[in-house]
Amino acid sequence: MKNDRATFPGAAFAGWRIMRSDEGRLWASRERPFPVTAEAAGACRTVDADDLPELGLAIAEQESIAKQTPPEQENATVQVSAAESAATA
């Protein structure tokens, strides 16, 4: 596989690495993983296509799926007083 990143510049591919297989098929792999919620909703980190316009559409579709998912929430830290802790023990 050949890395064609320099051949395909542009905002449509920002954050994605573009490769061409030995057979000439184009592949794109997202440089950073999607959030877990986006992957669970069906966003794929790697896509392929026959030509550049089709690859751009495949990338746009994955980014759209990711944008439609709710953002991940970090686990909230709950502070418990010593009295509450003792009461549950």
PDB file of N, CA and C in Angstrom:
ATOM      1  N   MET A   1       0.845  -1.173   0.000  1.00  0.00           N
ATOM      2  CA  MET A   1       0.000   0.000   0.000  1.00  0.00           C
ATOM      3  C   MET A   1       0.888   1.234   0.000  1.00  0.00           C
ATOM      4  N   LYS A   2       0.472   2.238  -0.691  1.00  0.00           N
ATOM      5  CA  LYS A   2       1.240   3.467  -0.814  1.00  0.00           C
ATOM      6  C   LYS A   2       0.502   4.595  -0.101  1.00  0.00           C
ATOM      7  N   ASN A   3       1.237   5.416   0.659  1.00  0.00           N
ATOM      8  CA  ASN A   3       0.634   6.551   1.353  1.00  0.00           C
ATOM      9  C   ASN A   3       0.591   7.724   0.394  1.00  0.00           C
ATOM     10  N   ASP A   4      -0.607   8.142  -0.006  1.00  0.00           N
ATOM     11  CA  ASP A   4      -0.775   9.234  -0.960  1.00  0.00           C
ATOM     12  C   ASP A   4      -1.186  10.530  -0.278  1.00  0.00           C
ATOM     13  N   ARG A   5      -0.855  10.691   0.977  1.00  0.00           N
ATOM     14  CA  ARG A   5      -1.291  11.870   1.726  1.00  0.00           C
ATOM     15  C   ARG A   5      -0.891  13.164   1.023  1.00  0.00           C
ATOM     16  N   ALA A   6       0.324  13.254   0.553  1.00  0.00           N
ATOM     17  CA  ALA A   6       0.788  14.483  -0.091  1.00  0.00           C
ATOM     18  C   ALA A   6       0.076  14.716  -1.419  1.00  0.00           C
ATOM     19  N   THR A   7      -0.404  13.654  -2.033  1.00  0.00           N
ATOM     20  CA  THR A   7      -1.095  13.765  -3.315  1.00  0.00           C
ATOM     21  C   THR A   7      -2.505  14.300  -3.162  1.00  0.00           C
ATOM     22  N   PHE A   8      -3.118  14.097  -1.996  1.00  0.00           N
ATOM     23  CA  PHE A   8      -4.506  14.464  -1.787  1.00  0.00           C
ATOM     24  C   PHE A   8      -4.665  15.454  -0.641  1.00  0.00           C
ATOM     25  N   PRO A   9      -4.163  16.671  -0.783  1.00  0.00           N
ATOM     26  CA  PRO A   9      -4.327  17.641   0.296  1.00  0.00           C
ATOM     27  C   PRO A   9      -5.752  18.180   0.311  1.00  0.00           C
ATOM     28  N   GLY A  10      -6.098  18.855   1.381  1.00  0.00           N
ATOM     29  CA  GLY A  10      -7.391  19.523   1.414  1.00  0.00           C
ATOM     30  C   GLY A  10      -8.170  19.251   2.671  1.00  0.00           C
ATOM     31  N   ALA A  11      -9.121  20.120   2.922  1.00  0.00           N
ATOM     32  CA  ALA A  11      -9.933  20.034   4.134  1.00  0.00           C
ATOM     33  C   ALA A  11     -10.783  18.762   4.161  1.00  0.00           C
ATOM     34  N   ALA A  12     -11.168  18.257   3.004  1.00  0.00           N
ATOM     35  CA  ALA A  12     -12.009  17.059   2.962  1.00  0.00           C
ATOM     36  C   ALA A  12     -11.312  15.860   3.599  1.00  0.00           C
ATOM     37  N   PHE A  13      -9.992  15.886   3.640  1.00  0.00           N
ATOM     38  CA  PHE A  13      -9.237  14.760   4.163  1.00  0.00           C
ATOM     39  C   PHE A  13      -8.456  15.105   5.422  1.00  0.00           C
ATOM     40  N   ALA A  14      -8.697  16.269   6.001  1.00  0.00           N
ATOM     41  CA  ALA A  14      -7.988  16.671   7.216  1.00  0.00           C
ATOM     42  C   ALA A  14      -8.251  15.657   8.329  1.00  0.00           C
ATOM     43  N   GLY A  15      -7.187  15.177   8.945  1.00  0.00           N
ATOM     44  CA  GLY A  15      -7.319  14.203  10.021  1.00  0.00           C
ATOM     45  C   GLY A  15      -7.412  12.764   9.551  1.00  0.00           C
ATOM     46  N   TRP A  16      -7.297  12.550   8.258  1.00  0.00           N
ATOM     47  CA  TRP A  16      -7.369  11.203   7.683  1.00  0.00           C
ATOM     48  C   TRP A  16      -6.098  10.930   6.879  1.00  0.00           C
ATOM     49  N   ARG A  17      -5.626   9.720   6.922  1.00  0.00           N
ATOM     50  CA  ARG A  17      -4.475   9.302   6.107  1.00  0.00           C
ATOM     51  C   ARG A  17      -5.017   8.564   4.889  1.00  0.00           C
ATOM     52  N   ILE A  18      -4.572   8.985   3.729  1.00  0.00           N
ATOM     53  CA  ILE A  18      -5.040   8.398   2.475  1.00  0.00           C
ATOM     54  C   ILE A  18      -3.978   7.442   1.937  1.00  0.00           C
ATOM     55  N   MET A  19      -4.418   6.275   1.516  1.00  0.00           N
ATOM     56  CA  MET A  19      -3.517   5.268   0.952  1.00  0.00           C
ATOM     57  C   MET A  19      -4.131   4.705  -0.317  1.00  0.00           C
ATOM     58  N   ARG A  20      -3.263   4.233  -1.191  1.00  0.00           N
ATOM     59  CA  ARG A  20      -3.721   3.551  -2.399  1.00  0.00           C
ATOM     60  C   ARG A  20      -3.176   2.128  -2.348  1.00  0.00           C
ATOM     61  N   SER A  21      -4.065   1.159  -2.521  1.00  0.00           N
ATOM     62  CA  SER A  21      -3.639  -0.244  -2.490  1.00  0.00           C
ATOM     63  C   SER A  21      -2.875  -0.577  -3.765  1.00  0.00           C
ATOM     64  N   ASP A  22      -2.226  -1.719  -3.765  1.00  0.00           N
ATOM     65  CA  ASP A  22      -1.499  -2.175  -4.955  1.00  0.00           C
ATOM     66  C   ASP A  22      -2.435  -2.354  -6.147  1.00  0.00           C
ATOM     67  N   GLU A  23      -3.713  -2.580  -5.850  1.00  0.00           N
ATOM     68  CA  GLU A  23      -4.717  -2.749  -6.904  1.00  0.00           C
ATOM     69  C   GLU A  23      -5.320  -1.417  -7.351  1.00  0.00           C
ATOM     70  N   GLY A  24      -4.916  -0.299  -6.697  1.00  0.00           N
ATOM     71  CA  GLY A  24      -5.399   1.019  -7.091  1.00  0.00           C
ATOM     72  C   GLY A  24      -6.597   1.532  -6.310  1.00  0.00           C
ATOM     73  N   ARG A  25      -7.082   0.750  -5.358  1.00  0.00           N
ATOM     74  CA  ARG A  25      -8.222   1.181  -4.547  1.00  0.00           C
ATOM     75  C   ARG A  25      -7.740   2.181  -3.507  1.00  0.00           C
ATOM     76  N   LEU A  26      -8.554   3.197  -3.239  1.00  0.00           N
ATOM     77  CA  LEU A  26      -8.209   4.210  -2.255  1.00  0.00           C
ATOM     78  C   LEU A  26      -8.769   3.830  -0.888  1.00  0.00           C
ATOM     79  N   TRP A  27      -7.969   4.077   0.127  1.00  0.00           N
ATOM     80  CA  TRP A  27      -8.355   3.823   1.510  1.00  0.00           C
ATOM     81  C   TRP A  27      -8.055   5.065   2.325  1.00  0.00           C
ATOM     82  N   ALA A  28      -8.853   5.309   3.342  1.00  0.00           N
ATOM     83  CA  ALA A  28      -8.606   6.414   4.267  1.00  0.00           C
ATOM     84  C   ALA A  28      -8.778   5.878   5.681  1.00  0.00           C
ATOM     85  N   SER A  29      -7.853   6.252   6.537  1.00  0.00           N
ATOM     86  CA  SER A  29      -7.922   5.844   7.935  1.00  0.00           C
ATOM     87  C   SER A  29      -7.810   7.087   8.806  1.00  0.00           C
ATOM     88  N   ARG A  30      -8.742   7.241   9.712  1.00  0.00           N
ATOM     89  CA  ARG A  30      -8.768   8.409  10.589  1.00  0.00           C
ATOM     90  C   ARG A  30      -7.566   8.365  11.526  1.00  0.00           C
ATOM     91  N   GLU A  31      -6.877   9.489  11.660  1.00  0.00           N
ATOM     92  CA  GLU A  31      -5.669   9.531  12.478  1.00  0.00           C
ATOM     93  C   GLU A  31      -5.967   9.346  13.962  1.00  0.00           C
ATOM     94  N   ARG A  32      -7.105   9.837  14.414  1.00  0.00           N
ATOM     95  CA  ARG A  32      -7.505   9.668  15.810  1.00  0.00           C
ATOM     96  C   ARG A  32      -8.785   8.850  15.843  1.00  0.00           C
ATOM     97  N   PRO A  33      -8.903   7.941  16.802  1.00  0.00           N
ATOM     98  CA  PRO A  33     -10.135   7.140  16.883  1.00  0.00           C
ATOM     99  C   PRO A  33     -11.352   8.020  17.156  1.00  0.00           C
ATOM    100  N   PHE A  34     -12.486   7.554  16.682  1.00  0.00           N
ATOM    101  CA  PHE A  34     -13.742   8.206  17.038  1.00  0.00           C
ATOM    102  C   PHE A  34     -14.031   7.897  18.509  1.00  0.00           C
ATOM    103  N   PRO A  35     -14.830   8.739  19.168  1.00  0.00           N
ATOM    104  CA  PRO A  35     -15.272   8.392  20.526  1.00  0.00           C
ATOM    105  C   PRO A  35     -16.052   7.073  20.495  1.00  0.00           C
ATOM    106  N   VAL A  36     -16.075   6.393  21.618  1.00  0.00           N
ATOM    107  CA  VAL A  36     -16.764   5.102  21.721  1.00  0.00           C
ATOM    108  C   VAL A  36     -18.226   5.221  21.303  1.00  0.00           C
ATOM    109  N   THR A  37     -18.878   6.312  21.686  1.00  0.00           N
ATOM    110  CA  THR A  37     -20.295   6.480  21.337  1.00  0.00           C
ATOM    111  C   THR A  37     -20.483   6.583  19.826  1.00  0.00           C
ATOM    112  N   ALA A  38     -19.548   7.224  19.142  1.00  0.00           N
ATOM    113  CA  ALA A  38     -19.637   7.341  17.682  1.00  0.00           C
ATOM    114  C   ALA A  38     -19.417   5.990  17.023  1.00  0.00           C
ATOM    115  N   GLU A  39     -18.453   5.225  17.527  1.00  0.00           N
ATOM    116  CA  GLU A  39     -18.226   3.887  16.977  1.00  0.00           C
ATOM    117  C   GLU A  39     -19.429   2.988  17.209  1.00  0.00           C
ATOM    118  N   ALA A  40     -20.039   3.111  18.373  1.00  0.00           N
ATOM    119  CA  ALA A  40     -21.234   2.313  18.680  1.00  0.00           C
ATOM    120  C   ALA A  40     -22.383   2.687  17.752  1.00  0.00           C
ATOM    121  N   ALA A  41     -22.406   3.943  17.292  1.00  0.00           N
ATOM    122  CA  ALA A  41     -23.449   4.407  16.373  1.00  0.00           C
ATOM    123  C   ALA A  41     -23.145   4.019  14.925  1.00  0.00           C
ATOM    124  N   GLY A  42     -21.952   3.457  14.675  1.00  0.00           N
ATOM    125  CA  GLY A  42     -21.624   2.979  13.339  1.00  0.00           C
ATOM    126  C   GLY A  42     -20.526   3.723  12.602  1.00  0.00           C
ATOM    127  N   ALA A  43     -19.898   4.696  13.238  1.00  0.00           N
ATOM    128  CA  ALA A  43     -18.809   5.419  12.582  1.00  0.00           C
ATOM    129  C   ALA A  43     -17.594   4.500  12.453  1.00  0.00           C
ATOM    130  N   CYS A  44     -17.058   4.408  11.247  1.00  0.00           N
ATOM    131  CA  CYS A  44     -15.902   3.552  10.981  1.00  0.00           C
ATOM    132  C   CYS A  44     -14.646   4.401  10.810  1.00  0.00           C
ATOM    133  N   ARG A  45     -13.568   3.930  11.389  1.00  0.00           N
ATOM    134  CA  ARG A  45     -12.307   4.672  11.329  1.00  0.00           C
ATOM    135  C   ARG A  45     -11.599   4.492   9.991  1.00  0.00           C
ATOM    136  N   THR A  46     -11.901   3.447   9.262  1.00  0.00           N
ATOM    137  CA  THR A  46     -11.266   3.181   7.971  1.00  0.00           C
ATOM    138  C   THR A  46     -12.340   2.954   6.918  1.00  0.00           C
ATOM    139  N   VAL A  47     -12.177   3.632   5.777  1.00  0.00           N
ATOM    140  CA  VAL A  47     -13.125   3.493   4.667  1.00  0.00           C
ATOM    141  C   VAL A  47     -12.347   3.305   3.373  1.00  0.00           C
ATOM    142  N   ASP A  48     -13.027   2.817   2.337  1.00  0.00           N
ATOM    143  CA  ASP A  48     -12.381   2.648   1.038  1.00  0.00           C
ATOM    144  C   ASP A  48     -13.326   3.069  -0.068  1.00  0.00           C
ATOM    145  N   ALA A  49     -12.759   3.307  -1.247  1.00  0.00           N
ATOM    146  CA  ALA A  49     -13.558   3.753  -2.385  1.00  0.00           C
ATOM    147  C   ALA A  49     -12.775   3.530  -3.671  1.00  0.00           C
ATOM    148  N   ASP A  50     -13.498   3.611  -4.782  1.00  0.00           N
ATOM    149  CA  ASP A  50     -12.871   3.441  -6.094  1.00  0.00           C
ATOM    150  C   ASP A  50     -12.154   4.693  -6.566  1.00  0.00           C
ATOM    151  N   ASP A  51     -12.666   5.878  -6.169  1.00  0.00           N
ATOM    152  CA  ASP A  51     -12.064   7.130  -6.644  1.00  0.00           C
ATOM    153  C   ASP A  51     -12.109   8.187  -5.549  1.00  0.00           C
ATOM    154  N   LEU A  52     -11.462   9.299  -5.808  1.00  0.00           N
ATOM    155  CA  LEU A  52     -11.334  10.359  -4.809  1.00  0.00           C
ATOM    156  C   LEU A  52     -12.673  10.981  -4.397  1.00  0.00           C
ATOM    157  N   PRO A  53     -13.581  11.310  -5.330  1.00  0.00           N
ATOM    158  CA  PRO A  53     -14.877  11.861  -4.894  1.00  0.00           C
ATOM    159  C   PRO A  53     -15.657  10.888  -4.002  1.00  0.00           C
ATOM    160  N   GLU A  54     -15.634   9.617  -4.349  1.00  0.00           N
ATOM    161  CA  GLU A  54     -16.329   8.608  -3.554  1.00  0.00           C
ATOM    162  C   GLU A  54     -15.684   8.483  -2.171  1.00  0.00           C
ATOM    163  N   LEU A  55     -14.361   8.578  -2.107  1.00  0.00           N
ATOM    164  CA  LEU A  55     -13.665   8.511  -0.824  1.00  0.00           C
ATOM    165  C   LEU A  55     -14.044   9.710   0.050  1.00  0.00           C
ATOM    166  N   GLY A  56     -14.123  10.873  -0.549  1.00  0.00           N
ATOM    167  CA  GLY A  56     -14.539  12.068   0.184  1.00  0.00           C
ATOM    168  C   GLY A  56     -15.928  11.909   0.774  1.00  0.00           C
ATOM    169  N   LEU A  57     -16.837  11.309   0.015  1.00  0.00           N
ATOM    170  CA  LEU A  57     -18.196  11.060   0.513  1.00  0.00           C
ATOM    171  C   LEU A  57     -18.194  10.055   1.664  1.00  0.00           C
ATOM    172  N   ALA A  58     -17.361   9.027   1.552  1.00  0.00           N
ATOM    173  CA  ALA A  58     -17.285   8.015   2.608  1.00  0.00           C
ATOM    174  C   ALA A  58     -16.759   8.637   3.906  1.00  0.00           C
ATOM    175  N   ILE A  59     -15.755   9.490   3.785  1.00  0.00           N
ATOM    176  CA  ILE A  59     -15.204  10.179   4.958  1.00  0.00           C
ATOM    177  C   ILE A  59     -16.269  11.095   5.564  1.00  0.00           C
ATOM    178  N   ALA A  60     -16.939  11.864   4.719  1.00  0.00           N
ATOM    179  CA  ALA A  60     -17.969  12.792   5.199  1.00  0.00           C
ATOM    180  C   ALA A  60     -19.089  12.038   5.927  1.00  0.00           C
ATOM    181  N   GLU A  61     -19.445  10.867   5.422  1.00  0.00           N
ATOM    182  CA  GLU A  61     -20.497  10.068   6.055  1.00  0.00           C
ATOM    183  C   GLU A  61     -20.086   9.631   7.459  1.00  0.00           C
ATOM    184  N   GLN A  62     -18.833   9.205   7.617  1.00  0.00           N
ATOM    185  CA  GLN A  62     -18.368   8.770   8.934  1.00  0.00           C
ATOM    186  C   GLN A  62     -18.317   9.942   9.917  1.00  0.00           C
ATOM    187  N   GLU A  63     -17.834  11.083   9.447  1.00  0.00           N
ATOM    188  CA  GLU A  63     -17.779  12.269  10.307  1.00  0.00           C
ATOM    189  C   GLU A  63     -19.189  12.722  10.692  1.00  0.00           C
ATOM    190  N   SER A  64     -20.146  12.584   9.770  1.00  0.00           N
ATOM    191  CA  SER A  64     -21.534  12.958  10.047  1.00  0.00           C
ATOM    192  C   SER A  64     -22.133  12.053  11.127  1.00  0.00           C
ATOM    193  N   ILE A  65     -21.867  10.761  11.028  1.00  0.00           N
ATOM    194  CA  ILE A  65     -22.356   9.824  12.053  1.00  0.00           C
ATOM    195  C   ILE A  65     -21.804  10.228  13.413  1.00  0.00           C
ATOM    196  N   ALA A  66     -20.523  10.550  13.451  1.00  0.00           N
ATOM    197  CA  ALA A  66     -19.880  10.917  14.719  1.00  0.00           C
ATOM    198  C   ALA A  66     -20.463  12.204  15.290  1.00  0.00           C
ATOM    199  N   LYS A  67     -20.764  13.164  14.439  1.00  0.00           N
ATOM    200  CA  LYS A  67     -21.303  14.444  14.908  1.00  0.00           C
ATOM    201  C   LYS A  67     -22.726  14.301  15.440  1.00  0.00           C
ATOM    202  N   GLN A  68     -23.449  13.289  14.997  1.00  0.00           N
ATOM    203  CA  GLN A  68     -24.825  13.095  15.424  1.00  0.00           C
ATOM    204  C   GLN A  68     -24.939  12.353  16.751  1.00  0.00           C
ATOM    205  N   THR A  69     -23.826  11.840  17.251  1.00  0.00           N
ATOM    206  CA  THR A  69     -23.864  11.107  18.518  1.00  0.00           C
ATOM    207  C   THR A  69     -23.628  12.062  19.677  1.00  0.00           C
ATOM    208  N   PRO A  70     -24.232  11.777  20.815  1.00  0.00           N
ATOM    209  CA  PRO A  70     -24.008  12.651  21.980  1.00  0.00           C
ATOM    210  C   PRO A  70     -22.552  12.551  22.426  1.00  0.00           C
ATOM    211  N   PRO A  71     -22.002  13.636  22.947  1.00  0.00           N
ATOM    212  CA  PRO A  71     -20.614  13.585  23.407  1.00  0.00           C
ATOM    213  C   PRO A  71     -20.480  12.656  24.602  1.00  0.00           C
ATOM    214  N   GLU A  72     -19.293  12.070  24.711  1.00  0.00           N
ATOM    215  CA  GLU A  72     -19.043  11.201  25.853  1.00  0.00           C
ATOM    216  C   GLU A  72     -18.934  12.050  27.105  1.00  0.00           C
ATOM    217  N   GLN A  73     -19.459  11.527  28.182  1.00  0.00           N
ATOM    218  CA  GLN A  73     -19.362  12.222  29.456  1.00  0.00           C
ATOM    219  C   GLN A  73     -18.341  11.511  30.324  1.00  0.00           C
ATOM    220  N   GLU A  74     -17.531  12.303  30.973  1.00  0.00           N
ATOM    221  CA  GLU A  74     -16.554  11.724  31.878  1.00  0.00           C
ATOM    222  C   GLU A  74     -17.264  11.311  33.157  1.00  0.00           C
ATOM    223  N   ASN A  75     -16.701  10.340  33.826  1.00  0.00           N
ATOM    224  CA  ASN A  75     -17.271   9.917  35.103  1.00  0.00           C
ATOM    225  C   ASN A  75     -17.161  11.066  36.090  1.00  0.00           C
ATOM    226  N   ALA A  76     -18.259  11.409  36.705  1.00  0.00           N
ATOM    227  CA  ALA A  76     -18.269  12.496  37.674  1.00  0.00           C
ATOM    228  C   ALA A  76     -17.705  11.995  39.002  1.00  0.00           C
ATOM    229  N   THR A  77     -16.892  12.805  39.612  1.00  0.00           N
ATOM    230  CA  THR A  77     -16.357  12.473  40.922  1.00  0.00           C
ATOM    231  C   THR A  77     -17.369  12.919  41.965  1.00  0.00           C
ATOM    232  N   VAL A  78     -17.775  11.998  42.793  1.00  0.00           N
ATOM    233  CA  VAL A  78     -18.758  12.291  43.827  1.00  0.00           C
ATOM    234  C   VAL A  78     -18.034  12.377  45.157  1.00  0.00           C
ATOM    235  N   GLN A  79     -18.218  13.487  45.814  1.00  0.00           N
ATOM    236  CA  GLN A  79     -17.607  13.644  47.133  1.00  0.00           C
ATOM    237  C   GLN A  79     -18.606  13.194  48.189  1.00  0.00           C
ATOM    238  N   VAL A  80     -18.133  12.326  49.058  1.00  0.00           N
ATOM    239  CA  VAL A  80     -18.972  11.789  50.120  1.00  0.00           C
ATOM    240  C   VAL A  80     -18.335  12.188  51.438  1.00  0.00           C
ATOM    241  N   SER A  81     -19.161  12.710  52.325  1.00  0.00           N
ATOM    242  CA  SER A  81     -18.637  13.100  53.641  1.00  0.00           C
ATOM    243  C   SER A  81     -18.338  11.866  54.462  1.00  0.00           C
ATOM    244  N   ALA A  82     -17.540  12.038  55.499  1.00  0.00           N
ATOM    245  CA  ALA A  82     -17.180  10.926  56.378  1.00  0.00           C
ATOM    246  C   ALA A  82     -18.425  10.336  57.020  1.00  0.00           C
ATOM    247  N   ALA A  83     -19.392  11.185  57.386  1.00  0.00           N
ATOM    248  CA  ALA A  83     -20.620  10.705  58.026  1.00  0.00           C
ATOM    249  C   ALA A  83     -21.424   9.836  57.057  1.00  0.00           C
ATOM    250  N   GLU A  84     -21.527  10.275  55.797  1.00  0.00           N
ATOM    251  CA  GLU A  84     -22.268   9.492  54.790  1.00  0.00           C
ATOM    252  C   GLU A  84     -21.563   8.173  54.525  1.00  0.00           C
ATOM    253  N   SER A  85     -20.251   8.220  54.485  1.00  0.00           N
ATOM    254  CA  SER A  85     -19.478   7.012  54.250  1.00  0.00           C
ATOM    255  C   SER A  85     -19.678   6.014  55.384  1.00  0.00           C
ATOM    256  N   ALA A  86     -19.679   6.503  56.601  1.00  0.00           N
ATOM    257  CA  ALA A  86     -19.862   5.645  57.779  1.00  0.00           C
ATOM    258  C   ALA A  86     -21.269   5.061  57.818  1.00  0.00           C
ATOM    259  N   ALA A  87     -22.246   5.844  57.346  1.00  0.00           N
ATOM    260  CA  ALA A  87     -23.641   5.401  57.382  1.00  0.00           C
ATOM    261  C   ALA A  87     -23.887   4.262  56.401  1.00  0.00           C
ATOM    262  N   THR A  88     -23.123   4.198  55.311  1.00  0.00           N
ATOM    263  CA  THR A  88     -23.345   3.151  54.314  1.00  0.00           C
ATOM    264  C   THR A  88     -22.492   1.931  54.578  1.00  0.00           C
ATOM    265  N   ALA A  89     -21.578   2.028  55.510  1.00  0.00           N
ATOM    266  CA  ALA A  89     -20.655   0.900  55.790  1.00  0.00           C
ATOM    267  C   ALA A  89     -21.273  -0.140  56.675  1.00  0.00           C
TER     268      ALA A  89
END
